[in-house]
């Protein structure tokens, strides 16, 4: 929903990252080894997930409420963002925060304009790539 809120407030794109402060006490800065050697989030990991507006309607975007068959009637899809979003690692986010003048200790931002330009490109497509077929089998138990 962060991308939806940003879009509604006029943002032209969103860069998102997982902040180690959200991980509680188990962080690299508290002496825990990063995954895979330990339990802390690896600073180079990138979050996965969807930015689809599932609260609007939880469905395939172009066929809301109906199966996405090959010959289904499709719409433009209004539960997907109109702006690009890019997940980055915290290691990359630290560099961007440093550039725009964020306070590293508290990582609070002061709203300064940075001379750094970031280009976000969305290479996604709403084109139907292939029909997905699911097979089910029943194996009777003893």
N, C-alpha and C. Protein backbone atom coordinates (compact mmCIF):
# COMPACT_ATOMS: atom_id res chain seq x y z
N UNK A 1 0.81 -1.19 0.00
CA UNK A 1 0.00 0.00 0.00
C UNK A 1 0.86 1.27 0.00
N UNK A 2 2.18 1.09 0.24
CA UNK A 2 3.06 2.27 0.20
C UNK A 2 3.07 2.89 -1.19
N UNK A 3 3.07 2.04 -2.22
CA UNK A 3 3.11 2.55 -3.59
C UNK A 3 1.80 3.26 -3.91
N UNK A 4 0.68 2.73 -3.46
CA UNK A 4 -0.62 3.37 -3.68
C UNK A 4 -0.65 4.74 -3.02
N UNK A 5 -0.19 4.82 -1.77
CA UNK A 5 -0.18 6.11 -1.07
C UNK A 5 0.74 7.09 -1.78
N UNK A 6 1.91 6.64 -2.21
CA UNK A 6 2.84 7.52 -2.91
C UNK A 6 2.23 8.03 -4.22
N UNK A 7 1.57 7.14 -4.94
CA UNK A 7 0.92 7.52 -6.19
C UNK A 7 -0.15 8.58 -5.95
N UNK A 8 -0.96 8.36 -4.92
CA UNK A 8 -2.03 9.32 -4.60
C UNK A 8 -1.48 10.68 -4.18
N UNK A 9 -0.28 10.71 -3.62
CA UNK A 9 0.34 11.96 -3.19
C UNK A 9 1.18 12.62 -4.30
N UNK A 10 1.16 12.02 -5.50
CA UNK A 10 1.82 12.63 -6.64
C UNK A 10 3.24 12.18 -6.92
N UNK A 11 3.71 11.12 -6.27
CA UNK A 11 5.06 10.61 -6.53
C UNK A 11 5.14 10.07 -7.96
N UNK A 12 6.31 10.17 -8.55
CA UNK A 12 6.51 9.65 -9.90
C UNK A 12 7.15 8.27 -9.88
N UNK A 13 7.56 7.80 -8.70
CA UNK A 13 8.15 6.48 -8.55
C UNK A 13 8.46 6.22 -7.09
N UNK A 14 8.72 4.97 -6.76
CA UNK A 14 8.99 4.58 -5.39
C UNK A 14 10.20 3.65 -5.35
N UNK A 15 11.13 3.98 -4.46
CA UNK A 15 12.25 3.08 -4.16
C UNK A 15 11.99 2.55 -2.76
N UNK A 16 11.94 1.24 -2.60
CA UNK A 16 11.64 0.67 -1.28
C UNK A 16 12.73 -0.29 -0.85
N UNK A 17 12.94 -0.34 0.46
CA UNK A 17 13.95 -1.24 1.02
C UNK A 17 13.50 -1.70 2.39
N UNK A 18 14.06 -2.81 2.86
CA UNK A 18 13.76 -3.32 4.19
C UNK A 18 14.75 -2.70 5.17
N UNK A 19 14.24 -1.91 6.10
CA UNK A 19 15.07 -1.23 7.08
C UNK A 19 15.39 -2.18 8.22
N UNK A 20 16.66 -2.37 8.58
CA UNK A 20 17.01 -3.26 9.69
C UNK A 20 16.35 -2.87 11.01
N UNK A 21 15.96 -1.61 11.17
CA UNK A 21 15.27 -1.21 12.40
C UNK A 21 13.95 -1.94 12.57
N UNK A 22 13.39 -2.45 11.48
CA UNK A 22 12.14 -3.21 11.55
C UNK A 22 12.36 -4.64 12.01
N UNK A 23 13.62 -5.06 12.13
CA UNK A 23 13.94 -6.45 12.48
C UNK A 23 14.12 -6.67 13.98
N UNK A 24 13.86 -5.66 14.78
CA UNK A 24 14.02 -5.81 16.22
C UNK A 24 15.49 -5.86 16.61
N UNK A 25 15.81 -6.71 17.57
CA UNK A 25 17.17 -6.79 18.11
C UNK A 25 18.11 -7.62 17.24
N UNK A 26 17.58 -8.51 16.42
CA UNK A 26 18.41 -9.44 15.65
C UNK A 26 18.88 -8.74 14.36
N UNK A 27 19.95 -7.95 14.48
CA UNK A 27 20.49 -7.22 13.34
C UNK A 27 22.01 -7.37 13.30
N UNK A 28 22.57 -7.07 12.16
CA UNK A 28 24.03 -7.10 12.00
C UNK A 28 24.68 -6.08 12.93
N UNK A 29 24.06 -4.91 13.07
CA UNK A 29 24.64 -3.87 13.94
C UNK A 29 24.65 -4.27 15.41
N UNK A 30 23.83 -5.25 15.78
CA UNK A 30 23.83 -5.75 17.16
C UNK A 30 24.70 -7.00 17.31
N UNK A 31 25.52 -7.29 16.30
CA UNK A 31 26.49 -8.38 16.41
C UNK A 31 26.04 -9.73 15.89
N UNK A 32 24.85 -9.82 15.35
CA UNK A 32 24.39 -11.09 14.78
C UNK A 32 24.94 -11.24 13.36
N UNK A 33 25.32 -12.46 13.03
CA UNK A 33 25.81 -12.73 11.67
C UNK A 33 24.63 -12.66 10.69
N UNK A 34 24.88 -12.12 9.48
CA UNK A 34 23.80 -12.07 8.50
C UNK A 34 23.55 -13.44 7.88
N UNK A 35 22.32 -13.65 7.41
CA UNK A 35 21.98 -14.87 6.69
C UNK A 35 22.91 -15.00 5.48
N UNK A 36 23.44 -16.16 5.14
CA UNK A 36 23.11 -17.50 5.61
C UNK A 36 23.93 -17.97 6.81
N UNK A 37 24.91 -17.17 7.26
CA UNK A 37 25.75 -17.60 8.39
C UNK A 37 25.05 -17.41 9.73
N UNK A 38 24.03 -16.55 9.79
CA UNK A 38 23.35 -16.29 11.05
C UNK A 38 21.91 -15.87 10.83
N UNK A 39 21.25 -15.41 11.90
CA UNK A 39 19.83 -15.11 11.83
C UNK A 39 19.47 -13.70 11.36
N UNK A 40 20.44 -12.81 11.24
CA UNK A 40 20.13 -11.42 10.87
C UNK A 40 19.88 -11.30 9.37
N UNK A 41 19.08 -10.30 9.01
CA UNK A 41 18.82 -10.04 7.59
C UNK A 41 20.13 -9.64 6.91
N UNK A 42 20.37 -10.22 5.76
CA UNK A 42 21.56 -9.87 5.00
C UNK A 42 21.37 -8.46 4.43
N UNK A 43 22.33 -7.55 4.63
CA UNK A 43 22.18 -6.17 4.14
C UNK A 43 22.02 -6.07 2.63
N UNK A 44 22.38 -7.13 1.89
CA UNK A 44 22.23 -7.09 0.43
C UNK A 44 20.95 -7.77 -0.05
N UNK A 45 20.11 -8.23 0.90
CA UNK A 45 18.87 -8.89 0.49
C UNK A 45 17.87 -7.85 -0.02
N UNK A 46 17.00 -8.29 -0.91
CA UNK A 46 15.99 -7.42 -1.50
C UNK A 46 14.62 -8.02 -1.21
N UNK A 47 13.68 -7.19 -0.78
CA UNK A 47 12.36 -7.71 -0.46
C UNK A 47 11.61 -8.13 -1.70
N UNK A 48 10.79 -9.15 -1.52
CA UNK A 48 9.95 -9.67 -2.60
C UNK A 48 8.50 -9.45 -2.22
N UNK A 49 7.66 -9.51 -3.20
CA UNK A 49 6.24 -9.36 -2.92
C UNK A 49 5.54 -8.68 -4.07
N UNK A 50 4.35 -8.24 -3.79
CA UNK A 50 3.53 -7.61 -4.81
C UNK A 50 3.17 -6.20 -4.39
N UNK A 51 3.10 -5.31 -5.35
CA UNK A 51 2.61 -3.96 -5.08
C UNK A 51 1.22 -3.78 -5.67
N UNK A 52 0.61 -4.89 -6.08
CA UNK A 52 -0.77 -4.86 -6.57
C UNK A 52 -1.69 -4.41 -5.45
N UNK A 53 -2.71 -3.65 -5.78
CA UNK A 53 -3.64 -3.14 -4.78
C UNK A 53 -4.68 -4.21 -4.47
N UNK A 54 -4.28 -5.18 -3.66
CA UNK A 54 -5.15 -6.31 -3.36
C UNK A 54 -6.38 -5.91 -2.56
N UNK A 55 -6.33 -4.78 -1.86
CA UNK A 55 -7.50 -4.32 -1.11
C UNK A 55 -8.58 -3.77 -2.05
N UNK A 56 -8.21 -3.38 -3.25
CA UNK A 56 -9.18 -2.90 -4.23
C UNK A 56 -9.96 -4.10 -4.78
N UNK A 57 -9.25 -5.07 -5.32
CA UNK A 57 -9.83 -6.37 -5.65
C UNK A 57 -8.70 -7.38 -5.78
N UNK A 58 -8.81 -8.50 -5.05
CA UNK A 58 -7.76 -9.52 -5.09
C UNK A 58 -7.99 -10.47 -6.25
N UNK A 59 -7.39 -10.16 -7.35
CA UNK A 59 -7.63 -10.95 -8.55
C UNK A 59 -6.54 -10.67 -9.55
N UNK A 60 -6.55 -11.44 -10.61
CA UNK A 60 -5.67 -11.14 -11.74
C UNK A 60 -6.12 -9.78 -12.25
N UNK A 61 -5.21 -8.82 -12.43
CA UNK A 61 -5.61 -7.44 -12.71
C UNK A 61 -6.50 -7.23 -13.93
N UNK A 62 -6.31 -8.01 -14.97
CA UNK A 62 -7.07 -7.74 -16.20
C UNK A 62 -8.40 -8.49 -16.29
N UNK A 63 -8.67 -9.41 -15.35
CA UNK A 63 -9.95 -10.14 -15.35
C UNK A 63 -10.50 -10.20 -13.93
N UNK A 64 -10.88 -9.07 -13.34
CA UNK A 64 -11.30 -9.07 -11.94
C UNK A 64 -12.54 -9.94 -11.69
N UNK A 65 -12.40 -10.87 -10.75
CA UNK A 65 -13.52 -11.73 -10.38
C UNK A 65 -13.75 -12.92 -11.27
N UNK A 66 -12.94 -13.05 -12.33
CA UNK A 66 -13.13 -14.16 -13.27
C UNK A 66 -11.79 -14.82 -13.56
N UNK A 67 -11.80 -16.08 -13.96
CA UNK A 67 -10.54 -16.74 -14.33
C UNK A 67 -9.91 -16.06 -15.55
N UNK A 68 -8.60 -16.07 -15.59
CA UNK A 68 -7.87 -15.42 -16.69
C UNK A 68 -7.65 -16.40 -17.83
N UNK A 69 -8.75 -16.89 -18.39
CA UNK A 69 -8.64 -17.80 -19.54
C UNK A 69 -8.08 -17.06 -20.74
N UNK A 70 -7.55 -17.80 -21.67
CA UNK A 70 -6.92 -17.20 -22.85
C UNK A 70 -7.89 -16.29 -23.61
N UNK A 71 -9.15 -16.68 -23.73
CA UNK A 71 -10.12 -15.89 -24.49
C UNK A 71 -11.00 -15.02 -23.60
N UNK A 72 -10.59 -14.80 -22.34
CA UNK A 72 -11.38 -13.98 -21.41
C UNK A 72 -11.40 -12.53 -21.84
N UNK A 73 -12.51 -11.86 -21.54
CA UNK A 73 -12.60 -10.42 -21.79
C UNK A 73 -11.73 -9.73 -20.74
N UNK A 74 -10.88 -8.84 -21.20
CA UNK A 74 -9.93 -8.20 -20.31
C UNK A 74 -10.17 -6.70 -20.24
N UNK A 75 -9.81 -6.14 -19.07
CA UNK A 75 -9.87 -4.69 -18.87
C UNK A 75 -8.45 -4.18 -18.64
N UNK A 76 -8.31 -2.88 -18.50
CA UNK A 76 -6.99 -2.28 -18.30
C UNK A 76 -6.37 -2.69 -16.98
N UNK A 77 -7.14 -2.96 -15.98
CA UNK A 77 -6.59 -3.35 -14.68
C UNK A 77 -6.31 -2.13 -13.83
N UNK A 78 -7.18 -1.82 -12.89
CA UNK A 78 -7.02 -0.62 -12.07
C UNK A 78 -6.61 -0.96 -10.64
N UNK A 79 -6.14 -2.18 -10.41
CA UNK A 79 -5.60 -2.51 -9.08
C UNK A 79 -4.09 -2.68 -9.14
N UNK A 80 -3.48 -2.06 -10.13
CA UNK A 80 -2.02 -2.09 -10.26
C UNK A 80 -1.50 -0.65 -10.32
N UNK A 81 -0.30 -0.41 -9.80
CA UNK A 81 0.23 0.96 -9.78
C UNK A 81 0.46 1.54 -11.16
N UNK A 82 0.32 2.83 -11.25
CA UNK A 82 0.61 3.55 -12.51
C UNK A 82 2.03 4.11 -12.49
N UNK A 83 2.71 4.01 -11.34
CA UNK A 83 4.09 4.50 -11.23
C UNK A 83 5.03 3.32 -11.00
N UNK A 84 6.27 3.43 -11.43
CA UNK A 84 7.21 2.32 -11.20
C UNK A 84 7.67 2.26 -9.75
N UNK A 85 7.99 1.07 -9.30
CA UNK A 85 8.56 0.88 -7.96
C UNK A 85 9.74 -0.05 -8.10
N UNK A 86 10.74 0.17 -7.27
CA UNK A 86 11.97 -0.60 -7.34
C UNK A 86 12.42 -1.01 -5.95
N UNK A 87 12.43 -2.31 -5.66
CA UNK A 87 12.97 -2.74 -4.36
C UNK A 87 14.50 -2.78 -4.45
N UNK A 88 15.16 -2.25 -3.43
CA UNK A 88 16.62 -2.29 -3.37
C UNK A 88 17.05 -2.83 -2.02
N UNK A 89 18.30 -3.21 -1.91
CA UNK A 89 18.81 -3.71 -0.63
C UNK A 89 19.09 -2.55 0.32
N UNK A 90 19.21 -2.87 1.62
CA UNK A 90 19.55 -1.83 2.58
C UNK A 90 20.95 -1.28 2.30
N UNK A 91 21.86 -2.14 1.82
CA UNK A 91 23.21 -1.67 1.49
C UNK A 91 23.14 -0.58 0.42
N UNK A 92 22.28 -0.74 -0.57
CA UNK A 92 22.11 0.29 -1.60
C UNK A 92 21.35 1.49 -1.06
N UNK A 93 20.37 1.24 -0.20
CA UNK A 93 19.59 2.33 0.38
C UNK A 93 20.47 3.24 1.24
N UNK A 94 21.42 2.65 1.96
CA UNK A 94 22.33 3.47 2.78
C UNK A 94 23.04 4.51 1.93
N UNK A 95 23.48 4.09 0.76
CA UNK A 95 24.19 5.02 -0.14
C UNK A 95 23.26 6.14 -0.61
N UNK A 96 22.03 5.80 -0.95
CA UNK A 96 21.07 6.83 -1.38
C UNK A 96 20.73 7.77 -0.22
N UNK A 97 20.52 7.22 0.97
CA UNK A 97 20.20 8.06 2.12
C UNK A 97 21.35 9.02 2.44
N UNK A 98 22.56 8.53 2.29
CA UNK A 98 23.74 9.37 2.51
C UNK A 98 23.75 10.52 1.50
N UNK A 99 23.43 10.22 0.26
CA UNK A 99 23.45 11.23 -0.80
C UNK A 99 22.40 12.31 -0.59
N UNK A 100 21.21 11.95 -0.12
CA UNK A 100 20.16 12.95 0.04
C UNK A 100 20.19 13.62 1.41
N UNK A 101 21.20 13.29 2.22
CA UNK A 101 21.39 14.01 3.46
C UNK A 101 20.61 13.48 4.65
N UNK A 102 20.26 12.22 4.64
CA UNK A 102 19.59 11.65 5.80
C UNK A 102 20.57 11.49 6.95
N UNK A 103 20.08 11.64 8.16
CA UNK A 103 20.89 11.46 9.35
C UNK A 103 21.09 9.97 9.57
N UNK A 104 22.32 9.47 9.43
CA UNK A 104 22.58 8.03 9.50
C UNK A 104 22.22 7.44 10.85
N UNK A 105 22.45 8.17 11.94
CA UNK A 105 22.13 7.63 13.26
C UNK A 105 20.64 7.34 13.38
N UNK A 106 19.83 8.33 13.13
CA UNK A 106 18.39 8.14 13.26
C UNK A 106 17.71 7.89 11.94
N UNK A 107 18.47 8.02 10.86
CA UNK A 107 17.98 7.88 9.51
C UNK A 107 16.70 8.69 9.27
N UNK A 108 16.68 9.90 9.82
CA UNK A 108 15.55 10.78 9.54
C UNK A 108 15.91 11.64 8.34
N UNK A 109 14.95 11.93 7.52
CA UNK A 109 15.19 12.73 6.33
C UNK A 109 14.70 14.15 6.58
N UNK A 110 15.36 15.10 5.93
CA UNK A 110 15.06 16.49 6.17
C UNK A 110 14.40 17.18 4.99
N UNK A 111 14.06 16.44 3.95
CA UNK A 111 13.35 17.02 2.82
C UNK A 111 14.21 17.85 1.90
N UNK A 112 15.52 17.69 1.97
CA UNK A 112 16.39 18.43 1.06
C UNK A 112 16.32 17.84 -0.35
N UNK A 113 16.54 18.68 -1.33
CA UNK A 113 16.58 18.22 -2.70
C UNK A 113 18.00 17.78 -3.01
N UNK A 114 18.13 16.63 -3.60
CA UNK A 114 19.44 16.09 -3.95
C UNK A 114 19.70 16.32 -5.44
N UNK A 115 20.96 16.45 -5.79
CA UNK A 115 21.34 16.59 -7.19
C UNK A 115 21.40 15.23 -7.88
N UNK A 116 21.33 14.17 -7.09
CA UNK A 116 21.38 12.82 -7.65
C UNK A 116 20.08 12.50 -8.37
N UNK A 117 20.21 11.96 -9.56
CA UNK A 117 19.03 11.55 -10.32
C UNK A 117 18.98 10.03 -10.34
N UNK A 118 17.81 9.48 -10.11
CA UNK A 118 17.59 8.05 -10.13
C UNK A 118 16.59 7.76 -11.24
N UNK A 119 16.94 6.83 -12.11
CA UNK A 119 16.04 6.48 -13.21
C UNK A 119 15.38 5.15 -12.88
N UNK A 120 14.06 5.17 -12.76
CA UNK A 120 13.28 3.96 -12.53
C UNK A 120 12.62 3.56 -13.83
N UNK A 121 12.82 2.32 -14.23
CA UNK A 121 12.24 1.82 -15.47
C UNK A 121 11.47 0.56 -15.15
N UNK A 122 10.23 0.49 -15.61
CA UNK A 122 9.40 -0.68 -15.40
C UNK A 122 9.35 -1.47 -16.70
N UNK A 123 9.96 -2.65 -16.70
CA UNK A 123 9.96 -3.48 -17.90
C UNK A 123 8.83 -4.51 -17.89
N UNK A 124 7.83 -4.31 -17.04
CA UNK A 124 6.72 -5.24 -16.95
C UNK A 124 5.80 -5.12 -18.15
N UNK A 125 4.94 -6.09 -18.29
CA UNK A 125 3.99 -6.09 -19.39
C UNK A 125 2.71 -6.75 -18.92
N UNK A 126 1.58 -6.25 -19.40
CA UNK A 126 0.31 -6.87 -19.06
C UNK A 126 -0.13 -7.84 -20.15
N UNK A 127 0.75 -8.08 -21.11
CA UNK A 127 0.45 -9.00 -22.21
C UNK A 127 0.27 -10.42 -21.66
N UNK A 128 -0.68 -11.13 -22.21
CA UNK A 128 -0.90 -12.52 -21.81
C UNK A 128 0.23 -13.36 -22.40
N UNK A 129 1.04 -13.96 -21.54
CA UNK A 129 2.18 -14.72 -22.02
C UNK A 129 1.81 -16.14 -22.40
N UNK A 130 1.11 -16.84 -21.53
CA UNK A 130 0.72 -18.21 -21.84
C UNK A 130 -0.41 -18.63 -20.92
N UNK A 131 -1.14 -19.60 -21.36
CA UNK A 131 -2.21 -20.15 -20.54
C UNK A 131 -1.59 -21.06 -19.49
N UNK A 132 -1.93 -20.85 -18.24
CA UNK A 132 -1.41 -21.68 -17.16
C UNK A 132 -2.41 -22.80 -16.91
N UNK A 133 -1.94 -24.02 -16.98
CA UNK A 133 -2.80 -25.17 -16.75
C UNK A 133 -2.38 -25.84 -15.46
N UNK A 134 -3.36 -26.11 -14.59
CA UNK A 134 -3.07 -26.79 -13.33
C UNK A 134 -3.63 -28.20 -13.41
N UNK A 135 -2.86 -29.14 -12.94
CA UNK A 135 -3.30 -30.53 -12.90
C UNK A 135 -3.45 -30.96 -11.46
N UNK A 136 -4.49 -31.70 -11.19
CA UNK A 136 -4.73 -32.23 -9.84
C UNK A 136 -4.87 -33.74 -9.94
N UNK A 137 -4.41 -34.42 -8.92
CA UNK A 137 -4.55 -35.87 -8.88
C UNK A 137 -5.05 -36.25 -7.50
N UNK A 138 -5.77 -37.35 -7.44
CA UNK A 138 -6.26 -37.86 -6.18
C UNK A 138 -5.62 -39.21 -5.93
N UNK A 139 -4.96 -39.34 -4.80
CA UNK A 139 -4.31 -40.60 -4.42
C UNK A 139 -5.04 -41.13 -3.19
N UNK A 140 -5.84 -42.18 -3.37
CA UNK A 140 -6.57 -42.70 -2.23
C UNK A 140 -5.65 -43.27 -1.17
N UNK A 141 -5.95 -42.98 0.09
CA UNK A 141 -5.15 -43.49 1.21
C UNK A 141 -5.56 -44.88 1.60
N UNK A 142 -4.85 -45.45 2.52
CA UNK A 142 -5.17 -46.81 2.94
C UNK A 142 -6.13 -46.82 4.10
